[in-house]
């Protein structure tokens, strides 16, 4: 994983509690990266 993707993931990790209802979609989002 390169620094650019890591920088994009950091805000996502902070937003994770807000994304919990979308958790079934998270594997799809990770695959899209």
N, C-alpha and C. Protein backbone atom coordinates (compact mmCIF):
# COMPACT_ATOMS: atom_id res chain seq x y z
N UNK A 1 0.86 -1.20 0.00
CA UNK A 1 0.00 0.00 0.00
C UNK A 1 0.89 1.25 0.00
N UNK A 2 0.61 2.16 -0.91
CA UNK A 2 1.44 3.36 -1.01
C UNK A 2 0.95 4.47 -0.09
N UNK A 3 1.75 5.51 0.05
CA UNK A 3 1.42 6.59 0.99
C UNK A 3 0.13 7.30 0.60
N UNK A 4 -0.14 7.45 -0.69
CA UNK A 4 -1.36 8.13 -1.12
C UNK A 4 -2.60 7.41 -0.63
N UNK A 5 -2.63 6.09 -0.80
CA UNK A 5 -3.79 5.33 -0.34
C UNK A 5 -3.89 5.38 1.18
N UNK A 6 -2.74 5.34 1.85
CA UNK A 6 -2.76 5.40 3.31
C UNK A 6 -3.33 6.73 3.77
N UNK A 7 -2.96 7.81 3.09
CA UNK A 7 -3.48 9.13 3.45
C UNK A 7 -4.98 9.20 3.21
N UNK A 8 -5.48 8.49 2.20
CA UNK A 8 -6.92 8.46 1.95
C UNK A 8 -7.64 7.61 3.00
N UNK A 9 -6.97 6.57 3.46
CA UNK A 9 -7.62 5.67 4.42
C UNK A 9 -7.71 6.27 5.81
N UNK A 10 -6.79 7.16 6.17
CA UNK A 10 -6.81 7.70 7.53
C UNK A 10 -8.14 8.40 7.86
N UNK A 11 -8.64 9.30 7.00
CA UNK A 11 -9.96 9.90 7.29
C UNK A 11 -11.08 8.84 7.31
N UNK A 12 -10.96 7.83 6.47
CA UNK A 12 -11.97 6.76 6.48
C UNK A 12 -11.98 6.04 7.82
N UNK A 13 -10.79 5.81 8.38
CA UNK A 13 -10.74 5.15 9.69
C UNK A 13 -11.38 6.01 10.76
N UNK A 14 -11.18 7.32 10.65
CA UNK A 14 -11.79 8.22 11.63
C UNK A 14 -13.31 8.24 11.48
N UNK A 15 -13.78 8.04 10.26
CA UNK A 15 -15.23 8.06 9.99
C UNK A 15 -15.88 6.69 10.17
N UNK A 16 -15.08 5.69 10.50
CA UNK A 16 -15.62 4.33 10.58
C UNK A 16 -16.89 4.22 11.41
N UNK A 17 -16.98 4.86 12.61
CA UNK A 17 -18.23 4.73 13.37
C UNK A 17 -19.45 5.22 12.60
N UNK A 18 -19.27 6.24 11.76
CA UNK A 18 -20.39 6.74 10.97
C UNK A 18 -20.73 5.78 9.84
N UNK A 19 -19.76 4.97 9.44
CA UNK A 19 -19.95 4.06 8.31
C UNK A 19 -20.45 2.69 8.73
N UNK A 20 -20.59 2.45 10.03
CA UNK A 20 -20.98 1.12 10.47
C UNK A 20 -22.26 0.61 9.80
N UNK A 21 -23.28 1.45 9.57
CA UNK A 21 -24.45 0.93 8.85
C UNK A 21 -24.12 0.47 7.44
N UNK A 22 -23.02 0.95 6.88
CA UNK A 22 -22.61 0.58 5.53
C UNK A 22 -21.62 -0.57 5.51
N UNK A 23 -21.39 -1.18 6.68
CA UNK A 23 -20.34 -2.18 6.79
C UNK A 23 -20.40 -3.29 5.72
N UNK A 24 -21.58 -3.69 5.25
CA UNK A 24 -21.57 -4.69 4.17
C UNK A 24 -20.87 -4.20 2.91
N UNK A 25 -20.79 -2.88 2.74
CA UNK A 25 -20.17 -2.32 1.54
C UNK A 25 -18.66 -2.15 1.70
N UNK A 26 -18.15 -2.22 2.92
CA UNK A 26 -16.73 -1.95 3.13
C UNK A 26 -15.81 -2.89 2.34
N UNK A 27 -16.09 -4.18 2.26
CA UNK A 27 -15.22 -5.03 1.43
C UNK A 27 -15.19 -4.59 -0.03
N UNK A 28 -16.32 -4.12 -0.53
CA UNK A 28 -16.36 -3.63 -1.91
C UNK A 28 -15.51 -2.38 -2.06
N UNK A 29 -15.59 -1.48 -1.07
CA UNK A 29 -14.78 -0.26 -1.13
C UNK A 29 -13.30 -0.61 -1.07
N UNK A 30 -12.92 -1.54 -0.21
CA UNK A 30 -11.52 -1.92 -0.10
C UNK A 30 -11.03 -2.58 -1.38
N UNK A 31 -11.90 -3.35 -2.02
CA UNK A 31 -11.51 -3.98 -3.27
C UNK A 31 -11.36 -2.93 -4.37
N UNK A 32 -12.16 -1.86 -4.28
CA UNK A 32 -12.06 -0.78 -5.27
C UNK A 32 -10.72 -0.07 -5.18
N UNK A 33 -10.13 -0.03 -3.98
CA UNK A 33 -8.80 0.55 -3.83
C UNK A 33 -7.77 -0.43 -4.38
